[in-house]
Amino acid sequence: MTTPAFPKRGSTRLVCHTSTAGSSARQANCQVAVTLSLANRHASLPVAYRLYLPKAWAEDDDRRAKAGVPEEITFKTKPQIALEQIRWGV
């Protein structure tokens, strides 16, 4: 499981929140994803990808509506998302 962070400018982008951006260890506005990949010694293939929805976003109906976040998408921790991906991949 990996949780890549994609630095973004501004705080109105879809699920943008303050997080550590990549290897720089700096705090920045980012979109964070949880991914699952299958790998062998030759290659790595991503098989699951989900943007992380921060709790502040999950609880803000106006922000969700403006960004078009579907009602069925709820707050889950990154480990919870990862476990769902692993169970799906087995």
N, C-alpha and C. Protein backbone atom coordinates (compact mmCIF):
# COMPACT_ATOMS: atom_id res chain seq x y z
N MET A 1 0.84 -1.17 0.00
CA MET A 1 0.00 0.00 0.00
C MET A 1 0.89 1.23 0.00
N THR A 2 0.55 2.20 -0.81
CA THR A 2 1.23 3.48 -0.78
C THR A 2 0.19 4.57 -0.64
N THR A 3 0.62 5.71 -0.16
CA THR A 3 -0.27 6.87 -0.07
C THR A 3 0.45 8.06 -0.67
N PRO A 4 0.47 8.14 -2.00
CA PRO A 4 1.14 9.27 -2.63
C PRO A 4 0.40 10.57 -2.37
N ALA A 5 1.15 11.65 -2.24
CA ALA A 5 0.57 12.98 -2.07
C ALA A 5 0.90 13.82 -3.29
N PHE A 6 -0.09 14.49 -3.83
CA PHE A 6 0.08 15.31 -5.01
C PHE A 6 -0.09 16.77 -4.62
N PRO A 7 1.01 17.54 -4.54
CA PRO A 7 0.90 18.95 -4.12
C PRO A 7 -0.03 19.73 -5.03
N LYS A 8 -0.85 20.59 -4.43
CA LYS A 8 -1.81 21.43 -5.16
C LYS A 8 -1.74 22.83 -4.59
N ARG A 9 -2.11 23.81 -5.38
CA ARG A 9 -2.20 25.18 -4.90
C ARG A 9 -3.65 25.47 -4.56
N GLY A 10 -3.86 26.20 -3.47
CA GLY A 10 -5.21 26.54 -3.05
C GLY A 10 -5.81 25.43 -2.22
N SER A 11 -6.97 25.69 -1.65
CA SER A 11 -7.61 24.69 -0.78
C SER A 11 -9.00 24.32 -1.27
N THR A 12 -9.37 24.74 -2.48
CA THR A 12 -10.70 24.44 -2.98
C THR A 12 -10.72 23.28 -3.97
N ARG A 13 -9.57 22.73 -4.30
CA ARG A 13 -9.55 21.56 -5.17
C ARG A 13 -10.18 20.38 -4.45
N LEU A 14 -10.67 19.44 -5.23
CA LEU A 14 -11.30 18.26 -4.67
C LEU A 14 -10.40 17.59 -3.64
N VAL A 15 -10.92 17.40 -2.46
CA VAL A 15 -10.29 16.76 -1.31
C VAL A 15 -8.87 17.22 -1.04
N CYS A 16 -8.61 18.49 -1.24
CA CYS A 16 -7.31 19.07 -0.97
C CYS A 16 -7.22 19.41 0.51
N HIS A 17 -6.13 19.00 1.16
CA HIS A 17 -5.93 19.32 2.57
C HIS A 17 -4.44 19.37 2.85
N THR A 18 -4.08 19.85 4.02
CA THR A 18 -2.67 19.97 4.37
C THR A 18 -2.12 18.61 4.76
N SER A 19 -1.03 18.24 4.13
CA SER A 19 -0.40 16.95 4.36
C SER A 19 1.08 17.07 4.01
N THR A 20 1.85 16.05 4.34
CA THR A 20 3.25 16.03 3.96
C THR A 20 3.34 15.66 2.50
N ALA A 21 4.01 16.49 1.72
CA ALA A 21 4.08 16.31 0.27
C ALA A 21 5.34 15.57 -0.13
N GLY A 22 5.21 14.32 -0.48
CA GLY A 22 6.31 13.54 -1.01
C GLY A 22 7.48 13.41 -0.05
N SER A 23 8.67 13.36 -0.60
CA SER A 23 9.86 13.14 0.21
C SER A 23 10.41 14.42 0.82
N SER A 24 9.79 15.58 0.53
CA SER A 24 10.32 16.83 1.04
C SER A 24 10.03 17.05 2.52
N ALA A 25 9.10 16.29 3.09
CA ALA A 25 8.71 16.39 4.50
C ALA A 25 8.16 17.76 4.84
N ARG A 26 7.75 18.54 3.85
CA ARG A 26 7.13 19.84 4.07
C ARG A 26 5.62 19.67 4.10
N GLN A 27 4.96 20.53 4.86
CA GLN A 27 3.51 20.54 4.87
C GLN A 27 3.02 21.40 3.70
N ALA A 28 2.07 20.90 2.94
CA ALA A 28 1.54 21.63 1.79
C ALA A 28 0.12 21.14 1.52
N ASN A 29 -0.63 21.92 0.74
CA ASN A 29 -1.94 21.45 0.31
C ASN A 29 -1.75 20.34 -0.69
N CYS A 30 -2.39 19.19 -0.44
CA CYS A 30 -2.19 18.01 -1.28
C CYS A 30 -3.50 17.25 -1.48
N GLN A 31 -3.54 16.49 -2.54
CA GLN A 31 -4.52 15.43 -2.69
C GLN A 31 -3.76 14.15 -2.36
N VAL A 32 -4.34 13.32 -1.50
CA VAL A 32 -3.69 12.09 -1.07
C VAL A 32 -4.49 10.90 -1.59
N ALA A 33 -3.80 9.91 -2.11
CA ALA A 33 -4.45 8.71 -2.62
C ALA A 33 -3.89 7.49 -1.90
N VAL A 34 -4.73 6.47 -1.78
CA VAL A 34 -4.30 5.17 -1.28
C VAL A 34 -4.32 4.24 -2.48
N THR A 35 -3.20 3.56 -2.71
CA THR A 35 -3.10 2.68 -3.88
C THR A 35 -2.63 1.29 -3.48
N LEU A 36 -3.00 0.33 -4.29
CA LEU A 36 -2.54 -1.04 -4.13
C LEU A 36 -1.95 -1.49 -5.46
N SER A 37 -0.76 -2.05 -5.41
CA SER A 37 -0.10 -2.53 -6.63
C SER A 37 0.33 -3.98 -6.46
N LEU A 38 0.30 -4.71 -7.55
CA LEU A 38 0.86 -6.05 -7.60
C LEU A 38 2.25 -5.91 -8.22
N ALA A 39 3.22 -6.59 -7.65
CA ALA A 39 4.58 -6.42 -8.14
C ALA A 39 5.32 -7.74 -8.14
N ASN A 40 6.27 -7.83 -9.06
CA ASN A 40 7.25 -8.91 -9.05
C ASN A 40 8.61 -8.26 -9.31
N ARG A 41 9.62 -9.05 -9.57
CA ARG A 41 10.95 -8.45 -9.72
C ARG A 41 11.11 -7.68 -11.03
N HIS A 42 10.13 -7.78 -11.94
CA HIS A 42 10.22 -7.11 -13.22
C HIS A 42 9.37 -5.85 -13.32
N ALA A 43 8.25 -5.82 -12.61
CA ALA A 43 7.32 -4.70 -12.81
C ALA A 43 6.37 -4.55 -11.63
N SER A 44 5.71 -3.42 -11.62
CA SER A 44 4.69 -3.12 -10.63
C SER A 44 3.45 -2.62 -11.38
N LEU A 45 2.29 -3.16 -11.03
CA LEU A 45 1.05 -2.80 -11.72
C LEU A 45 0.03 -2.31 -10.70
N PRO A 46 -0.36 -1.03 -10.77
CA PRO A 46 -1.39 -0.55 -9.84
C PRO A 46 -2.74 -1.20 -10.18
N VAL A 47 -3.42 -1.72 -9.15
CA VAL A 47 -4.71 -2.38 -9.37
C VAL A 47 -5.86 -1.72 -8.61
N ALA A 48 -5.55 -0.83 -7.68
CA ALA A 48 -6.59 -0.11 -6.95
C ALA A 48 -6.07 1.28 -6.60
N TYR A 49 -6.95 2.28 -6.68
CA TYR A 49 -6.58 3.67 -6.43
C TYR A 49 -7.80 4.39 -5.90
N ARG A 50 -7.65 5.08 -4.78
CA ARG A 50 -8.76 5.87 -4.26
C ARG A 50 -8.23 7.13 -3.60
N LEU A 51 -8.82 8.27 -3.95
CA LEU A 51 -8.47 9.51 -3.25
C LEU A 51 -8.94 9.40 -1.81
N TYR A 52 -8.12 9.88 -0.90
CA TYR A 52 -8.45 9.93 0.52
C TYR A 52 -9.32 11.15 0.76
N LEU A 53 -10.49 10.95 1.38
CA LEU A 53 -11.40 12.03 1.71
C LEU A 53 -11.21 12.39 3.18
N PRO A 54 -10.57 13.52 3.48
CA PRO A 54 -10.35 13.90 4.87
C PRO A 54 -11.66 14.07 5.63
N LYS A 55 -11.62 13.88 6.94
CA LYS A 55 -12.83 13.97 7.76
C LYS A 55 -13.48 15.35 7.63
N ALA A 56 -12.67 16.40 7.56
CA ALA A 56 -13.22 17.75 7.42
C ALA A 56 -14.04 17.88 6.14
N TRP A 57 -13.58 17.26 5.06
CA TRP A 57 -14.34 17.25 3.81
C TRP A 57 -15.59 16.39 3.94
N ALA A 58 -15.46 15.24 4.55
CA ALA A 58 -16.59 14.31 4.67
C ALA A 58 -17.74 14.93 5.44
N GLU A 59 -17.45 15.82 6.38
CA GLU A 59 -18.47 16.42 7.24
C GLU A 59 -18.97 17.77 6.73
N ASP A 60 -18.46 18.26 5.61
CA ASP A 60 -18.82 19.58 5.08
C ASP A 60 -19.70 19.41 3.84
N ASP A 61 -21.02 19.45 4.02
CA ASP A 61 -21.96 19.22 2.92
C ASP A 61 -21.80 20.22 1.79
N ASP A 62 -21.56 21.49 2.11
CA ASP A 62 -21.40 22.51 1.06
C ASP A 62 -20.17 22.23 0.21
N ARG A 63 -19.07 21.93 0.84
CA ARG A 63 -17.81 21.65 0.13
C ARG A 63 -17.97 20.39 -0.73
N ARG A 64 -18.60 19.36 -0.18
CA ARG A 64 -18.83 18.12 -0.93
C ARG A 64 -19.67 18.38 -2.17
N ALA A 65 -20.75 19.17 -2.00
CA ALA A 65 -21.65 19.46 -3.12
C ALA A 65 -20.91 20.23 -4.21
N LYS A 66 -20.13 21.23 -3.81
CA LYS A 66 -19.39 22.04 -4.77
C LYS A 66 -18.39 21.20 -5.56
N ALA A 67 -17.77 20.24 -4.90
CA ALA A 67 -16.77 19.39 -5.55
C ALA A 67 -17.38 18.16 -6.23
N GLY A 68 -18.67 17.91 -5.99
CA GLY A 68 -19.33 16.76 -6.62
C GLY A 68 -18.99 15.43 -5.98
N VAL A 69 -18.71 15.42 -4.67
CA VAL A 69 -18.40 14.17 -3.98
C VAL A 69 -19.71 13.42 -3.73
N PRO A 70 -19.88 12.21 -4.26
CA PRO A 70 -21.12 11.45 -4.07
C PRO A 70 -21.41 11.15 -2.60
N GLU A 71 -22.67 11.08 -2.24
CA GLU A 71 -23.07 10.81 -0.85
C GLU A 71 -22.54 9.48 -0.33
N GLU A 72 -22.41 8.49 -1.21
CA GLU A 72 -21.96 7.17 -0.76
C GLU A 72 -20.48 7.14 -0.37
N ILE A 73 -19.74 8.17 -0.73
CA ILE A 73 -18.33 8.25 -0.32
C ILE A 73 -18.30 8.85 1.08
N THR A 74 -17.80 8.07 2.04
CA THR A 74 -17.76 8.49 3.43
C THR A 74 -16.31 8.55 3.91
N PHE A 75 -16.12 9.13 5.09
CA PHE A 75 -14.78 9.18 5.66
C PHE A 75 -14.33 7.78 6.06
N LYS A 76 -13.12 7.45 5.66
CA LYS A 76 -12.44 6.24 6.10
C LYS A 76 -10.98 6.60 6.28
N THR A 77 -10.35 6.00 7.27
CA THR A 77 -8.92 6.24 7.45
C THR A 77 -8.15 5.58 6.31
N LYS A 78 -6.92 6.01 6.11
CA LYS A 78 -6.10 5.41 5.06
C LYS A 78 -5.90 3.91 5.29
N PRO A 79 -5.66 3.46 6.54
CA PRO A 79 -5.56 2.01 6.75
C PRO A 79 -6.86 1.26 6.44
N GLN A 80 -8.01 1.87 6.72
CA GLN A 80 -9.29 1.22 6.38
C GLN A 80 -9.43 1.07 4.87
N ILE A 81 -9.07 2.11 4.13
CA ILE A 81 -9.13 2.04 2.67
C ILE A 81 -8.18 0.96 2.16
N ALA A 82 -6.97 0.91 2.72
CA ALA A 82 -5.98 -0.08 2.30
C ALA A 82 -6.48 -1.50 2.55
N LEU A 83 -7.09 -1.74 3.70
CA LEU A 83 -7.62 -3.08 3.99
C LEU A 83 -8.72 -3.47 3.01
N GLU A 84 -9.59 -2.51 2.65
CA GLU A 84 -10.62 -2.79 1.64
C GLU A 84 -9.97 -3.17 0.31
N GLN A 85 -8.93 -2.45 -0.07
CA GLN A 85 -8.25 -2.75 -1.33
C GLN A 85 -7.59 -4.13 -1.29
N ILE A 86 -6.97 -4.46 -0.18
CA ILE A 86 -6.32 -5.77 -0.05
C ILE A 86 -7.37 -6.88 -0.11
N ARG A 87 -8.46 -6.72 0.61
CA ARG A 87 -9.54 -7.74 0.58
C ARG A 87 -10.11 -7.89 -0.82
N TRP A 88 -10.25 -6.77 -1.54
CA TRP A 88 -10.75 -6.82 -2.90
C TRP A 88 -9.76 -7.56 -3.81
N GLY A 89 -8.46 -7.36 -3.57
CA GLY A 89 -7.45 -7.93 -4.43
C GLY A 89 -7.16 -9.41 -4.18
N VAL A 90 -7.65 -9.95 -3.08
CA VAL A 90 -7.36 -11.35 -2.76
C VAL A 90 -8.26 -12.28 -3.52
